[in-house]
N, C-alpha and C. Protein backbone atom coordinates (compact mmCIF):
# COMPACT_ATOMS: atom_id res chain seq x y z
N MET A 1 13.61 0.82 -5.65
CA MET A 1 12.57 1.26 -4.77
C MET A 1 12.36 2.81 -5.17
N ARG A 2 13.61 3.68 -5.25
CA ARG A 2 13.36 4.73 -5.71
C ARG A 2 12.84 5.12 -7.07
N ALA A 3 13.25 4.49 -7.79
CA ALA A 3 12.76 4.33 -9.38
C ALA A 3 10.95 4.33 -9.17
N LEU A 4 10.89 3.29 -8.54
CA LEU A 4 9.54 2.67 -8.57
C LEU A 4 8.50 4.03 -7.86
N GLY A 5 9.18 4.68 -6.88
CA GLY A 5 8.47 5.57 -6.15
C GLY A 5 8.48 6.87 -7.25
N ARG A 6 9.12 6.94 -8.12
CA ARG A 6 9.32 8.18 -8.73
C ARG A 6 8.07 7.99 -10.07
N LYS A 7 8.17 6.79 -10.43
CA LYS A 7 7.10 6.31 -11.38
C LYS A 7 5.85 6.68 -11.05
N LEU A 8 5.45 6.11 -9.64
CA LEU A 8 4.00 6.42 -9.00
C LEU A 8 3.99 7.60 -8.92
N GLU A 9 4.88 8.30 -8.59
CA GLU A 9 4.67 9.83 -8.17
C GLU A 9 4.16 10.62 -9.58
N SER A 10 4.69 10.22 -10.80
CA SER A 10 4.29 10.64 -11.98
C SER A 10 3.05 10.12 -12.57
N GLY A 11 2.40 9.36 -11.80
CA GLY A 11 0.94 8.83 -12.18
C GLY A 11 0.72 7.55 -12.87
N ASP A 12 2.27 6.89 -13.05
CA ASP A 12 2.02 5.78 -13.73
C ASP A 12 2.23 4.54 -12.63
N ASP A 13 0.98 4.01 -12.44
CA ASP A 13 0.94 2.85 -11.32
C ASP A 13 0.72 1.44 -11.97
N SER A 14 1.19 1.39 -13.30
CA SER A 14 1.42 0.28 -13.99
C SER A 14 2.00 -0.71 -13.25
N GLU A 15 3.10 -0.68 -12.56
CA GLU A 15 3.78 -1.41 -11.61
C GLU A 15 3.65 -1.00 -10.15
N ILE A 16 3.28 -1.77 -9.35
CA ILE A 16 3.24 -1.37 -7.85
C ILE A 16 4.02 -2.12 -7.00
N ILE A 17 4.87 -3.27 -7.47
CA ILE A 17 5.75 -3.87 -6.65
C ILE A 17 6.86 -3.93 -7.42
N LEU A 18 7.80 -4.33 -7.09
CA LEU A 18 9.62 -4.84 -7.55
C LEU A 18 9.58 -6.22 -7.03
N TRP A 19 9.85 -7.34 -8.07
CA TRP A 19 10.32 -8.81 -7.83
C TRP A 19 11.77 -8.53 -7.24
N VAL A 20 12.22 -8.88 -5.95
CA VAL A 20 13.45 -9.34 -5.76
C VAL A 20 13.86 -10.63 -5.78
N ILE A 21 13.02 -11.44 -5.69
CA ILE A 21 13.20 -13.12 -6.29
C ILE A 21 11.62 -13.10 -6.95
N PRO A 22 11.95 -13.34 -8.13
CA PRO A 22 10.78 -13.48 -9.17
C PRO A 22 9.84 -14.70 -8.35
N GLY A 23 8.74 -14.14 -8.14
CA GLY A 23 7.44 -15.16 -8.11
C GLY A 23 7.64 -15.53 -6.41
N ALA A 24 8.52 -15.19 -5.79
CA ALA A 24 8.72 -15.58 -4.30
C ALA A 24 8.79 -14.49 -3.39
N LEU A 25 9.54 -13.23 -3.53
CA LEU A 25 9.61 -12.06 -2.85
C LEU A 25 9.62 -10.85 -3.61
N ALA A 26 8.71 -10.18 -3.11
CA ALA A 26 8.46 -8.80 -3.92
C ALA A 26 8.61 -7.38 -2.92
N CYS A 27 8.94 -6.34 -3.32
CA CYS A 27 8.95 -5.19 -2.37
C CYS A 27 7.91 -4.18 -3.04
N SER A 28 7.40 -3.29 -1.98
CA SER A 28 6.46 -2.43 -2.46
C SER A 28 6.30 -1.23 -1.66
N HIS A 29 5.99 -0.14 -2.18
CA HIS A 29 5.86 0.84 -1.32
C HIS A 29 4.32 0.94 -0.65
N ARG A 30 4.25 1.42 0.79
CA ARG A 30 2.71 1.51 1.25
C ARG A 30 1.85 1.80 0.29
N PRO A 31 0.57 1.37 0.31
CA PRO A 31 -0.38 2.02 -0.34
C PRO A 31 -0.55 3.41 -0.39
N LEU A 32 -0.45 4.03 -1.43
CA LEU A 32 -0.69 5.49 -1.86
C LEU A 32 0.59 6.34 -1.23
N ARG A 33 1.62 5.61 -0.62
CA ARG A 33 2.93 6.67 -0.32
C ARG A 33 3.26 7.61 -1.29
N HIS A 34 3.54 7.14 -2.74
CA HIS A 34 3.92 7.88 -3.72
C HIS A 34 3.00 8.32 -4.66
N HIS A 35 1.51 8.53 -4.34
CA HIS A 35 0.28 8.53 -5.11
C HIS A 35 0.47 10.00 -5.38
N PRO A 36 0.34 10.51 -6.70
CA PRO A 36 0.39 12.05 -6.93
C PRO A 36 -0.25 13.02 -6.24
N ARG A 37 -1.54 12.59 -5.83
CA ARG A 37 -2.51 13.27 -5.11
C ARG A 37 -2.34 13.45 -3.65
N TYR A 38 -2.19 12.09 -3.12
CA TYR A 38 -2.38 11.61 -1.55
C TYR A 38 -1.06 11.41 -1.10
N GLY A 39 0.08 11.01 -2.05
CA GLY A 39 1.27 10.73 -1.41
C GLY A 39 2.22 11.81 -0.52
N GLY A 40 3.11 11.17 -0.04
CA GLY A 40 3.92 12.18 0.82
C GLY A 40 4.46 11.45 2.33
N SER A 41 5.39 11.66 2.86
CA SER A 41 5.71 11.24 3.94
C SER A 41 4.95 11.57 5.01
N GLY A 42 4.05 10.81 5.98
CA GLY A 42 3.29 11.41 7.27
C GLY A 42 2.13 12.34 6.56
N GLN A 43 1.82 12.34 5.31
CA GLN A 43 0.64 13.17 4.99
C GLN A 43 -0.69 11.98 5.24
N PRO A 44 -1.64 12.82 5.93
CA PRO A 44 -2.95 12.27 6.02
C PRO A 44 -3.70 11.73 4.70
N ILE A 45 -4.23 10.73 4.60
CA ILE A 45 -4.76 10.22 3.36
C ILE A 45 -6.29 10.32 3.68
N PRO A 46 -6.90 10.87 2.87
CA PRO A 46 -8.44 11.21 3.23
C PRO A 46 -9.41 10.04 2.91
N GLU A 47 -10.74 10.15 3.31
CA GLU A 47 -11.69 8.85 3.16
C GLU A 47 -12.01 8.66 1.91
N ASP A 48 -11.73 9.86 1.03
CA ASP A 48 -12.13 9.30 -0.40
C ASP A 48 -11.06 8.35 -1.07
N ALA A 49 -9.90 8.13 -0.46
CA ALA A 49 -8.90 7.58 -0.94
C ALA A 49 -9.04 6.00 -0.89
N LYS A 50 -10.01 5.60 0.15
CA LYS A 50 -10.22 4.22 0.60
C LYS A 50 -10.31 3.14 -0.56
N GLN A 51 -10.83 3.30 -1.52
CA GLN A 51 -11.25 2.40 -2.73
C GLN A 51 -9.69 2.26 -3.38
N LEU A 52 -9.15 3.29 -3.41
CA LEU A 52 -7.75 3.14 -3.88
C LEU A 52 -6.94 2.12 -2.86
N ILE A 53 -7.11 1.99 -1.64
CA ILE A 53 -6.46 0.95 -0.92
C ILE A 53 -6.77 -0.34 -0.99
N LEU A 54 -8.16 -0.34 -1.34
CA LEU A 54 -8.75 -1.68 -1.34
C LEU A 54 -8.27 -1.91 -2.65
N ASP A 55 -8.10 -1.27 -3.76
CA ASP A 55 -7.69 -1.62 -5.08
C ASP A 55 -6.10 -2.15 -4.93
N TRP A 56 -5.19 -1.35 -4.18
CA TRP A 56 -3.97 -1.95 -4.08
C TRP A 56 -3.88 -3.37 -3.66
N LEU A 57 -4.70 -3.67 -2.33
CA LEU A 57 -4.63 -4.82 -1.89
C LEU A 57 -5.18 -5.84 -2.99
N GLU A 58 -5.93 -5.52 -3.69
CA GLU A 58 -6.42 -6.55 -5.05
C GLU A 58 -5.03 -6.59 -5.79
N ARG A 59 -4.63 -5.86 -6.21
CA ARG A 59 -3.64 -5.95 -7.15
C ARG A 59 -2.51 -6.79 -6.49
N ILE A 60 -2.15 -6.53 -5.43
CA ILE A 60 -1.26 -7.31 -4.77
C ILE A 60 -1.55 -8.64 -4.71
N ARG A 61 -2.90 -8.85 -4.22
CA ARG A 61 -3.45 -10.47 -4.42
C ARG A 61 -3.44 -10.97 -5.87
N LEU A 62 -3.81 -10.20 -6.93
CA LEU A 62 -3.45 -10.50 -8.28
C LEU A 62 -2.12 -10.87 -8.57
N GLU A 63 -1.37 -10.55 -8.11
CA GLU A 63 0.25 -10.84 -8.20
C GLU A 63 0.69 -12.11 -7.27
N GLU A 64 -0.59 -12.84 -6.97
CA GLU A 64 -0.34 -14.04 -6.00
C GLU A 64 0.41 -13.86 -4.64
N ILE A 65 0.83 -12.65 -4.26
CA ILE A 65 1.12 -12.50 -2.90
C ILE A 65 0.13 -12.83 -1.94
N ALA A 66 0.83 -13.69 -0.85
CA ALA A 66 -0.21 -13.99 0.19
C ALA A 66 0.23 -13.58 1.40
N SER A 67 1.54 -13.18 1.68
CA SER A 67 2.04 -12.58 2.96
C SER A 67 2.57 -11.02 2.73
N ILE A 68 2.32 -10.28 3.74
CA ILE A 68 2.97 -9.32 3.73
C ILE A 68 3.83 -8.91 5.05
N ILE A 69 4.80 -8.56 4.70
CA ILE A 69 5.98 -8.23 5.84
C ILE A 69 5.96 -6.61 5.84
N SER A 70 5.55 -6.13 7.01
CA SER A 70 5.34 -4.43 6.78
C SER A 70 6.79 -4.13 7.72
N PHE A 71 7.09 -2.95 7.05
CA PHE A 71 7.99 -2.12 7.82
C PHE A 71 7.44 -0.68 8.13
N MET A 72 6.24 -0.53 8.06
CA MET A 72 5.50 0.77 8.40
C MET A 72 5.63 0.99 10.13
N HIS A 73 5.74 2.20 10.42
CA HIS A 73 6.07 2.43 11.89
C HIS A 73 4.84 3.55 12.01
N GLU A 74 4.60 3.84 13.23
CA GLU A 74 3.40 4.60 13.84
C GLU A 74 3.06 5.87 12.93
N ARG A 75 3.97 6.62 12.41
CA ARG A 75 3.83 7.60 11.66
C ARG A 75 3.17 7.19 10.14
N ASP A 76 3.59 5.87 9.86
CA ASP A 76 2.97 5.68 8.31
C ASP A 76 1.39 5.06 8.85
N LEU A 77 1.39 4.45 9.76
CA LEU A 77 0.10 3.87 10.02
C LEU A 77 -1.02 5.16 10.10
N ARG A 78 -0.46 6.30 10.87
CA ARG A 78 -1.40 7.55 11.39
C ARG A 78 -1.90 7.85 9.93
N CYS A 79 -1.13 7.67 8.81
CA CYS A 79 -1.42 8.42 7.53
C CYS A 79 -3.06 7.80 7.14
N TYR A 80 -3.29 6.77 7.69
CA TYR A 80 -4.63 6.19 7.26
C TYR A 80 -5.62 6.34 8.28
N ARG A 81 -5.90 6.98 9.30
CA ARG A 81 -6.56 7.07 10.28
C ARG A 81 -7.74 7.91 10.07
N GLU A 82 -7.63 8.96 9.11
CA GLU A 82 -8.84 9.41 8.61
C GLU A 82 -9.73 8.86 7.66
N ILE A 83 -9.61 7.56 7.24
CA ILE A 83 -10.36 6.47 6.51
C ILE A 83 -10.73 5.51 7.65
N ASP A 84 -12.20 5.21 7.23
CA ASP A 84 -13.11 4.31 8.02
C ASP A 84 -12.79 2.92 7.56
N LEU A 85 -11.90 2.15 8.22
CA LEU A 85 -11.32 1.10 7.95
C LEU A 85 -12.12 -0.13 8.78
N GLY A 86 -13.46 0.36 9.20
CA GLY A 86 -13.83 -0.55 10.26
C GLY A 86 -13.38 -0.68 11.42
N GLY A 87 -12.57 0.28 12.09
CA GLY A 87 -12.16 0.11 13.29
C GLY A 87 -10.62 -0.35 13.22
N MET A 88 -10.13 -0.99 12.31
CA MET A 88 -8.96 -1.48 12.02
C MET A 88 -7.84 -0.44 11.43
N ASP A 89 -6.70 -0.65 11.49
CA ASP A 89 -5.50 -0.22 10.80
C ASP A 89 -5.44 -0.53 9.53
N VAL A 90 -4.51 -0.28 8.74
CA VAL A 90 -4.30 -0.49 7.26
C VAL A 90 -3.70 -1.90 7.07
N LEU A 91 -2.83 -2.38 8.34
CA LEU A 91 -2.31 -3.64 8.65
C LEU A 91 -3.56 -4.99 8.71
N ALA A 92 -4.28 -4.48 9.65
CA ALA A 92 -5.43 -5.17 10.24
C ALA A 92 -6.33 -5.35 8.90
N LEU A 93 -6.58 -4.50 7.83
CA LEU A 93 -7.29 -4.37 7.13
C LEU A 93 -6.73 -5.71 5.97
N ALA A 94 -5.47 -5.48 5.81
CA ALA A 94 -4.73 -6.43 5.05
C ALA A 94 -4.98 -7.71 5.18
N GLU A 95 -4.88 -7.99 6.63
CA GLU A 95 -5.27 -9.37 7.25
C GLU A 95 -6.48 -9.66 6.90
N SER A 96 -7.53 -9.01 7.23
CA SER A 96 -9.00 -9.00 6.95
C SER A 96 -9.45 -9.40 5.58
N GLU A 97 -8.47 -9.11 4.82
CA GLU A 97 -8.84 -9.33 3.33
C GLU A 97 -7.95 -10.74 2.91
N GLY A 98 -7.40 -11.46 3.80
CA GLY A 98 -6.77 -12.53 3.69
C GLY A 98 -5.40 -12.86 3.68
N PHE A 99 -4.67 -11.78 3.69
CA PHE A 99 -3.18 -11.64 3.69
C PHE A 99 -3.00 -12.09 5.21
N LYS A 100 -1.47 -12.89 5.14
CA LYS A 100 -0.79 -13.26 6.39
C LYS A 100 0.22 -12.00 6.66
N VAL A 101 -0.20 -11.04 7.77
CA VAL A 101 0.68 -10.13 7.87
C VAL A 101 1.66 -9.91 9.04
């Protein structure tokens, strides 16, 4: 996961997940956690990054991932509060997009 984080921080988002069990179990950093512009631990993510979060969810869907087990805590969830997600947090947004969270 560290290598994936470093890759994302460098601007290479060609991969956003790491398959632990191919086709069955994958890991990923939370959306934009290691983004070169918006990333960082506890950093607020601005409204203009909303589309990138929606794109992240679509990319996860394209990997045929249907369920998300999140280890995000309150500090992580606060990072997304500046974004209008229709009154939802980022996990509720994922659920509204059809994922089992």
